[in-house]
Amino acid sequence: IERVLILGGDREEIAADELPNSEPETRDEGRMVLT
């Protein structure tokens, strides 16, 4: 939480993509990432 608040922008809400290791679940074309 401290890291997110220090590095975060001016948005009112903390978004999921600001959290560490929160890789996007979809590619650009909308497909799921398959491990």
PDB file of all heavy atoms in Angstrom:
ATOM      1  N   ILE A   1       0.845  -1.205   0.000  1.00  0.00           N
ATOM      2  CA  ILE A   1       0.000   0.000   0.000  1.00  0.00           C
ATOM      3  C   ILE A   1       0.876   1.249   0.000  1.00  0.00           C
ATOM      4  O   ILE A   1       0.611   2.217  -0.737  1.00  0.00           O
ATOM      5  CB  ILE A   1      -0.947  -0.007   1.217  1.00  0.00           C
ATOM      6  CG1 ILE A   1      -1.951  -1.165   1.118  1.00  0.00           C
ATOM      7  CG2 ILE A   1      -1.681   1.321   1.325  1.00  0.00           C
ATOM      8  CD1 ILE A   1      -2.846  -1.112  -0.095  1.00  0.00           C
ATOM      9  N   GLU A   2       1.933   1.246   0.796  1.00  0.00           N
ATOM     10  CA  GLU A   2       2.831   2.411   0.844  1.00  0.00           C
ATOM     11  C   GLU A   2       3.478   2.644  -0.522  1.00  0.00           C
ATOM     12  O   GLU A   2       3.566   3.781  -0.999  1.00  0.00           O
ATOM     13  CB  GLU A   2       3.895   2.197   1.914  1.00  0.00           C
ATOM     14  CG  GLU A   2       4.820   3.396   2.095  1.00  0.00           C
ATOM     15  CD  GLU A   2       5.773   3.233   3.264  1.00  0.00           C
ATOM     16  OE1 GLU A   2       5.734   2.176   3.931  1.00  0.00           O
ATOM     17  OE2 GLU A   2       6.563   4.167   3.506  1.00  0.00           O
ATOM     18  N   ARG A   3       3.911   1.569  -1.172  1.00  0.00           N
ATOM     19  CA  ARG A   3       4.542   1.694  -2.487  1.00  0.00           C
ATOM     20  C   ARG A   3       3.564   2.260  -3.513  1.00  0.00           C
ATOM     21  O   ARG A   3       3.917   3.141  -4.305  1.00  0.00           O
ATOM     22  CB  ARG A   3       5.032   0.314  -2.936  1.00  0.00           C
ATOM     23  CG  ARG A   3       5.827   0.328  -4.243  1.00  0.00           C
ATOM     24  CD  ARG A   3       6.063  -1.090  -4.737  1.00  0.00           C
ATOM     25  NE  ARG A   3       6.431  -1.985  -3.663  1.00  0.00           N
ATOM     26  CZ  ARG A   3       6.375  -3.313  -3.746  1.00  0.00           C
ATOM     27  NH1 ARG A   3       5.960  -3.886  -4.863  1.00  0.00           N
ATOM     28  NH2 ARG A   3       6.721  -4.063  -2.725  1.00  0.00           N
ATOM     29  N   VAL A   4       2.336   1.763  -3.481  1.00  0.00           N
ATOM     30  CA  VAL A   4       1.327   2.235  -4.440  1.00  0.00           C
ATOM     31  C   VAL A   4       1.038   3.719  -4.229  1.00  0.00           C
ATOM     32  O   VAL A   4       0.922   4.487  -5.198  1.00  0.00           O
ATOM     33  CB  VAL A   4       0.038   1.406  -4.308  1.00  0.00           C
ATOM     34  CG1 VAL A   4      -1.113   2.055  -5.077  1.00  0.00           C
ATOM     35  CG2 VAL A   4       0.264  -0.013  -4.812  1.00  0.00           C
ATOM     36  N   LEU A   5       0.944   4.149  -2.972  1.00  0.00           N
ATOM     37  CA  LEU A   5       0.645   5.556  -2.687  1.00  0.00           C
ATOM     38  C   LEU A   5       1.806   6.468  -3.081  1.00  0.00           C
ATOM     39  O   LEU A   5       1.596   7.604  -3.512  1.00  0.00           O
ATOM     40  CB  LEU A   5       0.311   5.728  -1.205  1.00  0.00           C
ATOM     41  CG  LEU A   5      -0.977   5.057  -0.712  1.00  0.00           C
ATOM     42  CD1 LEU A   5      -1.159   5.291   0.783  1.00  0.00           C
ATOM     43  CD2 LEU A   5      -2.195   5.569  -1.478  1.00  0.00           C
ATOM     44  N   ILE A   6       3.037   5.980  -2.921  1.00  0.00           N
ATOM     45  CA  ILE A   6       4.210   6.789  -3.288  1.00  0.00           C
ATOM     46  C   ILE A   6       4.328   6.919  -4.807  1.00  0.00           C
ATOM     47  O   ILE A   6       4.584   8.003  -5.343  1.00  0.00           O
ATOM     48  CB  ILE A   6       5.495   6.167  -2.701  1.00  0.00           C
ATOM     49  CG1 ILE A   6       5.493   6.305  -1.171  1.00  0.00           C
ATOM     50  CG2 ILE A   6       6.739   6.836  -3.290  1.00  0.00           C
ATOM     51  CD1 ILE A   6       6.639   5.584  -0.493  1.00  0.00           C
ATOM     52  N   LEU A   7       4.131   5.811  -5.522  1.00  0.00           N
ATOM     53  CA  LEU A   7       4.338   5.802  -6.969  1.00  0.00           C
ATOM     54  C   LEU A   7       3.087   6.132  -7.769  1.00  0.00           C
ATOM     55  O   LEU A   7       3.177   6.364  -8.980  1.00  0.00           O
ATOM     56  CB  LEU A   7       4.852   4.417  -7.405  1.00  0.00           C
ATOM     57  CG  LEU A   7       6.178   3.966  -6.786  1.00  0.00           C
ATOM     58  CD1 LEU A   7       6.517   2.567  -7.263  1.00  0.00           C
ATOM     59  CD2 LEU A   7       7.296   4.937  -7.122  1.00  0.00           C
ATOM     60  N   GLY A   8       1.934   6.130  -7.111  1.00  0.00           N
ATOM     61  CA  GLY A   8       0.669   6.303  -7.830  1.00  0.00           C
ATOM     62  C   GLY A   8       0.489   7.697  -8.396  1.00  0.00           C
ATOM     63  O   GLY A   8       1.164   8.662  -8.020  1.00  0.00           O
ATOM     64  N   GLY A   9      -0.469   7.798  -9.301  1.00  0.00           N
ATOM     65  CA  GLY A   9      -0.769   9.086  -9.928  1.00  0.00           C
ATOM     66  C   GLY A   9      -1.798   9.866  -9.141  1.00  0.00           C
ATOM     67  O   GLY A   9      -1.936   9.716  -7.922  1.00  0.00           O
ATOM     68  N   ASP A  10      -2.543  10.704  -9.886  1.00  0.00           N
ATOM     69  CA  ASP A  10      -3.526  11.585  -9.253  1.00  0.00           C
ATOM     70  C   ASP A  10      -4.944  11.015  -9.257  1.00  0.00           C
ATOM     71  O   ASP A  10      -5.889  11.695  -8.876  1.00  0.00           O
ATOM     72  CB  ASP A  10      -3.539  12.947  -9.978  1.00  0.00           C
ATOM     73  CG  ASP A  10      -2.186  13.646  -9.872  1.00  0.00           C
ATOM     74  OD1 ASP A  10      -1.525  13.455  -8.833  1.00  0.00           O
ATOM     75  OD2 ASP A  10      -1.815  14.362 -10.815  1.00  0.00           O
ATOM     76  N   ARG A  11      -5.083   9.779  -9.716  1.00  0.00           N
ATOM     77  CA  ARG A  11      -6.419   9.188  -9.750  1.00  0.00           C
ATOM     78  C   ARG A  11      -6.981   9.038  -8.341  1.00  0.00           C
ATOM     79  O   ARG A  11      -6.241   8.736  -7.399  1.00  0.00           O
ATOM     80  CB  ARG A  11      -6.381   7.834 -10.450  1.00  0.00           C
ATOM     81  CG  ARG A  11      -6.167   7.920 -11.962  1.00  0.00           C
ATOM     82  CD  ARG A  11      -6.090   6.531 -12.593  1.00  0.00           C
ATOM     83  NE  ARG A  11      -4.864   5.837 -12.230  1.00  0.00           N
ATOM     84  CZ  ARG A  11      -4.560   4.612 -12.654  1.00  0.00           C
ATOM     85  NH1 ARG A  11      -5.404   3.950 -13.428  1.00  0.00           N
ATOM     86  NH2 ARG A  11      -3.416   4.043 -12.294  1.00  0.00           N
ATOM     87  N   GLU A  12      -8.283   9.213  -8.199  1.00  0.00           N
ATOM     88  CA  GLU A  12      -8.903   9.117  -6.874  1.00  0.00           C
ATOM     89  C   GLU A  12      -8.866   7.695  -6.342  1.00  0.00           C
ATOM     90  O   GLU A  12      -8.756   7.466  -5.142  1.00  0.00           O
ATOM     91  CB  GLU A  12     -10.357   9.609  -6.932  1.00  0.00           C
ATOM     92  CG  GLU A  12     -10.488  11.109  -7.178  1.00  0.00           C
ATOM     93  CD  GLU A  12     -11.934  11.570  -7.083  1.00  0.00           C
ATOM     94  OE1 GLU A  12     -12.799  10.724  -6.737  1.00  0.00           O
ATOM     95  OE2 GLU A  12     -12.193  12.745  -7.350  1.00  0.00           O
ATOM     96  N   GLU A  13      -9.004   6.720  -7.251  1.00  0.00           N
ATOM     97  CA  GLU A  13      -9.042   5.327  -6.829  1.00  0.00           C
ATOM     98  C   GLU A  13      -7.756   4.604  -7.209  1.00  0.00           C
ATOM     99  O   GLU A  13      -7.129   4.912  -8.229  1.00  0.00           O
ATOM    100  CB  GLU A  13     -10.235   4.596  -7.464  1.00  0.00           C
ATOM    101  CG  GLU A  13     -11.576   4.984  -6.876  1.00  0.00           C
ATOM    102  CD  GLU A  13     -12.686   4.048  -7.356  1.00  0.00           C
ATOM    103  OE1 GLU A  13     -12.531   3.448  -8.442  1.00  0.00           O
ATOM    104  OE2 GLU A  13     -13.687   3.893  -6.635  1.00  0.00           O
ATOM    105  N   ILE A  14      -7.369   3.637  -6.378  1.00  0.00           N
ATOM    106  CA  ILE A  14      -6.251   2.756  -6.701  1.00  0.00           C
ATOM    107  C   ILE A  14      -6.766   1.661  -7.624  1.00  0.00           C
ATOM    108  O   ILE A  14      -7.689   0.922  -7.281  1.00  0.00           O
ATOM    109  CB  ILE A  14      -5.655   2.136  -5.419  1.00  0.00           C
ATOM    110  CG1 ILE A  14      -5.066   3.230  -4.521  1.00  0.00           C
ATOM    111  CG2 ILE A  14      -4.599   1.095  -5.775  1.00  0.00           C
ATOM    112  CD1 ILE A  14      -4.605   2.731  -3.173  1.00  0.00           C
ATOM    113  N   ALA A  15      -6.165   1.560  -8.804  1.00  0.00           N
ATOM    114  CA  ALA A  15      -6.597   0.562  -9.786  1.00  0.00           C
ATOM    115  C   ALA A  15      -5.802  -0.730  -9.630  1.00  0.00           C
ATOM    116  O   ALA A  15      -4.711  -0.738  -9.056  1.00  0.00           O
ATOM    117  CB  ALA A  15      -6.421   1.106 -11.205  1.00  0.00           C
ATOM    118  N   ALA A  16      -6.351  -1.812 -10.160  1.00  0.00           N
ATOM    119  CA  ALA A  16      -5.705  -3.115 -10.037  1.00  0.00           C
ATOM    120  C   ALA A  16      -4.336  -3.130 -10.702  1.00  0.00           C
ATOM    121  O   ALA A  16      -3.405  -3.786 -10.229  1.00  0.00           O
ATOM    122  CB  ALA A  16      -6.602  -4.203 -10.622  1.00  0.00           C
ATOM    123  N   ASP A  17      -4.185  -2.381 -11.819  1.00  0.00           N
ATOM    124  CA  ASP A  17      -2.910  -2.424 -12.528  1.00  0.00           C
ATOM    125  C   ASP A  17      -1.787  -1.673 -11.814  1.00  0.00           C
ATOM    126  O   ASP A  17      -0.637  -1.691 -12.247  1.00  0.00           O
ATOM    127  CB  ASP A  17      -3.072  -1.890 -13.951  1.00  0.00           C
ATOM    128  CG  ASP A  17      -3.563  -0.447 -13.992  1.00  0.00           C
ATOM    129  OD1 ASP A  17      -3.588   0.211 -12.928  1.00  0.00           O
ATOM    130  OD2 ASP A  17      -3.925   0.027 -15.093  1.00  0.00           O
ATOM    131  N   GLU A  18      -2.103  -0.987 -10.696  1.00  0.00           N
ATOM    132  CA  GLU A  18      -1.071  -0.329  -9.897  1.00  0.00           C
ATOM    133  C   GLU A  18      -0.432  -1.279  -8.886  1.00  0.00           C
ATOM    134  O   GLU A  18       0.598  -0.957  -8.296  1.00  0.00           O
ATOM    135  CB  GLU A  18      -1.657   0.864  -9.139  1.00  0.00           C
ATOM    136  CG  GLU A  18      -2.154   1.992 -10.021  1.00  0.00           C
ATOM    137  CD  GLU A  18      -2.674   3.149  -9.194  1.00  0.00           C
ATOM    138  OE1 GLU A  18      -1.847   3.825  -8.553  1.00  0.00           O
ATOM    139  OE2 GLU A  18      -3.902   3.353  -9.166  1.00  0.00           O
ATOM    140  N   LEU A  19      -1.055  -2.426  -8.675  1.00  0.00           N
ATOM    141  CA  LEU A  19      -0.557  -3.369  -7.691  1.00  0.00           C
ATOM    142  C   LEU A  19       0.595  -4.179  -8.270  1.00  0.00           C
ATOM    143  O   LEU A  19       0.625  -4.459  -9.465  1.00  0.00           O
ATOM    144  CB  LEU A  19      -1.675  -4.301  -7.234  1.00  0.00           C
ATOM    145  CG  LEU A  19      -2.873  -3.615  -6.566  1.00  0.00           C
ATOM    146  CD1 LEU A  19      -3.978  -4.617  -6.295  1.00  0.00           C
ATOM    147  CD2 LEU A  19      -2.442  -2.944  -5.266  1.00  0.00           C
ATOM    148  N   PRO A  20       1.563  -4.568  -7.447  1.00  0.00           N
ATOM    149  CA  PRO A  20       2.707  -5.335  -7.958  1.00  0.00           C
ATOM    150  C   PRO A  20       2.288  -6.715  -8.445  1.00  0.00           C
ATOM    151  O   PRO A  20       1.358  -7.325  -7.905  1.00  0.00           O
ATOM    152  CB  PRO A  20       3.624  -5.451  -6.733  1.00  0.00           C
ATOM    153  CG  PRO A  20       2.717  -5.294  -5.560  1.00  0.00           C
ATOM    154  CD  PRO A  20       1.656  -4.329  -5.998  1.00  0.00           C
ATOM    155  N   ASN A  21       2.954  -7.167  -9.484  1.00  0.00           N
ATOM    156  CA  ASN A  21       2.702  -8.499 -10.045  1.00  0.00           C
ATOM    157  C   ASN A  21       1.280  -8.687 -10.551  1.00  0.00           C
ATOM    158  O   ASN A  21       0.794  -9.805 -10.660  1.00  0.00           O
ATOM    159  CB  ASN A  21       3.014  -9.598  -9.020  1.00  0.00           C
ATOM    160  CG  ASN A  21       4.448  -9.556  -8.573  1.00  0.00           C
ATOM    161  OD1 ASN A  21       5.341  -9.301  -9.375  1.00  0.00           O
ATOM    162  ND2 ASN A  21       4.687  -9.779  -7.297  1.00  0.00           N
ATOM    163  N   SER A  22       0.584  -7.563 -10.820  1.00  0.00           N
ATOM    164  CA  SER A  22      -0.783  -7.674 -11.339  1.00  0.00           C
ATOM    165  C   SER A  22      -0.729  -7.575 -12.861  1.00  0.00           C
ATOM    166  O   SER A  22      -1.085  -6.563 -13.449  1.00  0.00           O
ATOM    167  CB  SER A  22      -1.674  -6.573 -10.749  1.00  0.00           C
ATOM    168  OG  SER A  22      -1.133  -5.299 -11.020  1.00  0.00           O
ATOM    169  N   GLU A  23      -0.248  -8.635 -13.491  1.00  0.00           N
ATOM    170  CA  GLU A  23      -0.120  -8.634 -14.941  1.00  0.00           C
ATOM    171  C   GLU A  23      -1.495  -8.621 -15.588  1.00  0.00           C
ATOM    172  O   GLU A  23      -2.438  -9.228 -15.069  1.00  0.00           O
ATOM    173  CB  GLU A  23       0.656  -9.874 -15.390  1.00  0.00           C
ATOM    174  CG  GLU A  23       2.086  -9.908 -14.861  1.00  0.00           C
ATOM    175  CD  GLU A  23       2.807 -11.160 -15.300  1.00  0.00           C
ATOM    176  OE1 GLU A  23       2.180 -11.977 -16.000  1.00  0.00           O
ATOM    177  OE2 GLU A  23       3.984 -11.314 -14.934  1.00  0.00           O
ATOM    178  N   PRO A  24      -1.651  -7.967 -16.695  1.00  0.00           N
ATOM    179  CA  PRO A  24      -2.945  -7.945 -17.365  1.00  0.00           C
ATOM    180  C   PRO A  24      -3.410  -9.356 -17.698  1.00  0.00           C
ATOM    181  O   PRO A  24      -2.610 -10.207 -18.070  1.00  0.00           O
ATOM    182  CB  PRO A  24      -2.682  -7.147 -18.650  1.00  0.00           C
ATOM    183  CG  PRO A  24      -1.390  -6.450 -18.439  1.00  0.00           C
ATOM    184  CD  PRO A  24      -0.626  -7.222 -17.443  1.00  0.00           C
ATOM    185  N   GLU A  25      -4.687  -9.599 -17.536  1.00  0.00           N
ATOM    186  CA  GLU A  25      -5.219 -10.928 -17.783  1.00  0.00           C
ATOM    187  C   GLU A  25      -5.540 -11.156 -19.250  1.00  0.00           C
ATOM    188  O   GLU A  25      -5.833 -12.267 -19.659  1.00  0.00           O
ATOM    189  CB  GLU A  25      -6.482 -11.159 -16.948  1.00  0.00           C
ATOM    190  CG  GLU A  25      -6.204 -11.165 -15.441  1.00  0.00           C
ATOM    191  CD  GLU A  25      -7.447 -11.486 -14.651  1.00  0.00           C
ATOM    192  OE1 GLU A  25      -8.516 -11.634 -15.289  1.00  0.00           O
ATOM    193  OE2 GLU A  25      -7.380 -11.593 -13.437  1.00  0.00           O
ATOM    194  N   THR A  26      -5.531 -10.124 -20.084  1.00  0.00           N
ATOM    195  CA  THR A  26      -5.876 -10.271 -21.502  1.00  0.00           C
ATOM    196  C   THR A  26      -4.821  -9.624 -22.371  1.00  0.00           C
ATOM    197  O   THR A  26      -4.134  -8.690 -21.965  1.00  0.00           O
ATOM    198  CB  THR A  26      -7.238  -9.603 -21.800  1.00  0.00           C
ATOM    199  OG1 THR A  26      -7.155  -8.236 -21.459  1.00  0.00           O
ATOM    200  CG2 THR A  26      -8.352 -10.271 -21.019  1.00  0.00           C
ATOM    201  N   ARG A  27      -4.704 -10.148 -23.610  1.00  0.00           N
ATOM    202  CA  ARG A  27      -3.826  -9.530 -24.585  1.00  0.00           C
ATOM    203  C   ARG A  27      -4.570  -8.377 -25.256  1.00  0.00           C
ATOM    204  O   ARG A  27      -5.747  -8.129 -24.982  1.00  0.00           O
ATOM    205  CB  ARG A  27      -3.392 -10.573 -25.618  1.00  0.00           C
ATOM    206  CG  ARG A  27      -2.622 -11.755 -24.997  1.00  0.00           C
ATOM    207  CD  ARG A  27      -2.119 -12.666 -26.095  1.00  0.00           C
ATOM    208  NE  ARG A  27      -1.587 -13.897 -25.546  1.00  0.00           N
ATOM    209  CZ  ARG A  27      -0.350 -14.061 -25.109  1.00  0.00           C
ATOM    210  NH1 ARG A  27       0.472 -13.024 -25.122  1.00  0.00           N
ATOM    211  NH2 ARG A  27       0.058 -15.224 -24.648  1.00  0.00           N
ATOM    212  N   ASP A  28      -3.878  -7.713 -26.156  1.00  0.00           N
ATOM    213  CA  ASP A  28      -4.490  -6.568 -26.830  1.00  0.00           C
ATOM    214  C   ASP A  28      -5.759  -6.960 -27.567  1.00  0.00           C
ATOM    215  O   ASP A  28      -6.723  -6.212 -27.614  1.00  0.00           O
ATOM    216  CB  ASP A  28      -3.498  -5.947 -27.805  1.00  0.00           C
ATOM    217  CG  ASP A  28      -2.333  -5.293 -27.087  1.00  0.00           C
ATOM    218  OD1 ASP A  28      -2.508  -4.992 -25.886  1.00  0.00           O
ATOM    219  OD2 ASP A  28      -1.285  -5.093 -27.707  1.00  0.00           O
ATOM    220  N   GLU A  29      -5.776  -8.188 -28.162  1.00  0.00           N
ATOM    221  CA  GLU A  29      -6.950  -8.584 -28.933  1.00  0.00           C
ATOM    222  C   GLU A  29      -8.042  -9.186 -28.061  1.00  0.00           C
ATOM    223  O   GLU A  29      -9.024  -9.719 -28.567  1.00  0.00           O
ATOM    224  CB  GLU A  29      -6.538  -9.580 -30.025  1.00  0.00           C
ATOM    225  CG  GLU A  29      -5.879 -10.848 -29.498  1.00  0.00           C
ATOM    226  CD  GLU A  29      -4.366 -10.692 -29.439  1.00  0.00           C
ATOM    227  OE1 GLU A  29      -3.905  -9.561 -29.174  1.00  0.00           O
ATOM    228  OE2 GLU A  29      -3.662 -11.691 -29.658  1.00  0.00           O
ATOM    229  N   GLY A  30      -7.883  -9.092 -26.707  1.00  0.00           N
ATOM    230  CA  GLY A  30      -8.946  -9.539 -25.827  1.00  0.00           C
ATOM    231  C   GLY A  30      -8.859 -10.994 -25.427  1.00  0.00           C
ATOM    232  O   GLY A  30      -9.725 -11.497 -24.718  1.00  0.00           O
ATOM    233  N   ARG A  31      -7.826 -11.730 -25.871  1.00  0.00           N
ATOM    234  CA  ARG A  31      -7.709 -13.130 -25.508  1.00  0.00           C
ATOM    235  C   ARG A  31      -7.051 -13.270 -24.141  1.00  0.00           C
ATOM    236  O   ARG A  31      -6.248 -12.443 -23.724  1.00  0.00           O
ATOM    237  CB  ARG A  31      -6.852 -13.856 -26.552  1.00  0.00           C
ATOM    238  CG  ARG A  31      -7.479 -13.934 -27.911  1.00  0.00           C
ATOM    239  CD  ARG A  31      -6.453 -14.324 -28.952  1.00  0.00           C
ATOM    240  NE  ARG A  31      -5.676 -15.492 -28.523  1.00  0.00           N
ATOM    241  CZ  ARG A  31      -4.512 -15.831 -29.042  1.00  0.00           C
ATOM    242  NH1 ARG A  31      -3.981 -15.085 -30.005  1.00  0.00           N
ATOM    243  NH2 ARG A  31      -3.877 -16.905 -28.619  1.00  0.00           N
ATOM    244  N   MET A  32      -7.391 -14.373 -23.427  1.00  0.00           N
ATOM    245  CA  MET A  32      -6.765 -14.652 -22.132  1.00  0.00           C
ATOM    246  C   MET A  32      -5.327 -15.074 -22.319  1.00  0.00           C
ATOM    247  O   MET A  32      -4.971 -15.709 -23.308  1.00  0.00           O
ATOM    248  CB  MET A  32      -7.511 -15.776 -21.393  1.00  0.00           C
ATOM    249  CG  MET A  32      -8.803 -15.345 -20.730  1.00  0.00           C
ATOM    250  SD  MET A  32      -9.412 -16.627 -19.622  1.00  0.00           S
ATOM    251  CE  MET A  32      -8.103 -16.686 -18.413  1.00  0.00           C
ATOM    252  N   VAL A  33      -4.491 -14.737 -21.344  1.00  0.00           N
ATOM    253  CA  VAL A  33      -3.115 -15.202 -21.338  1.00  0.00           C
ATOM    254  C   VAL A  33      -3.098 -16.644 -20.868  1.00  0.00           C
ATOM    255  O   VAL A  33      -3.611 -16.972 -19.803  1.00  0.00           O
ATOM    256  CB  VAL A  33      -2.246 -14.329 -20.398  1.00  0.00           C
ATOM    257  CG1 VAL A  33      -0.846 -14.898 -20.298  1.00  0.00           C
ATOM    258  CG2 VAL A  33      -2.221 -12.901 -20.890  1.00  0.00           C
ATOM    259  N   LEU A  34      -2.531 -17.546 -21.641  1.00  0.00           N
ATOM    260  CA  LEU A  34      -2.478 -18.966 -21.309  1.00  0.00           C
ATOM    261  C   LEU A  34      -1.072 -19.300 -20.836  1.00  0.00           C
ATOM    262  O   LEU A  34      -0.099 -19.111 -21.572  1.00  0.00           O
ATOM    263  CB  LEU A  34      -2.833 -19.815 -22.535  1.00  0.00           C
ATOM    264  CG  LEU A  34      -3.015 -21.323 -22.306  1.00  0.00           C
ATOM    265  CD1 LEU A  34      -4.195 -21.576 -21.385  1.00  0.00           C
ATOM    266  CD2 LEU A  34      -3.215 -22.032 -23.631  1.00  0.00           C
ATOM    267  N   THR A  35      -0.955 -19.791 -19.589  1.00  0.00           N
ATOM    268  CA  THR A  35       0.363 -20.134 -19.067  1.00  0.00           C
ATOM    269  C   THR A  35       0.872 -21.410 -19.720  1.00  0.00           C
ATOM    270  O   THR A  35       0.099 -22.229 -20.234  1.00  0.00           O
ATOM    271  CB  THR A  35       0.297 -20.359 -17.540  1.00  0.00           C
ATOM    272  OG1 THR A  35      -0.531 -21.494 -17.269  1.00  0.00           O
ATOM    273  CG2 THR A  35      -0.282 -19.138 -16.841  1.00  0.00           C
TER     274      THR A  35
END
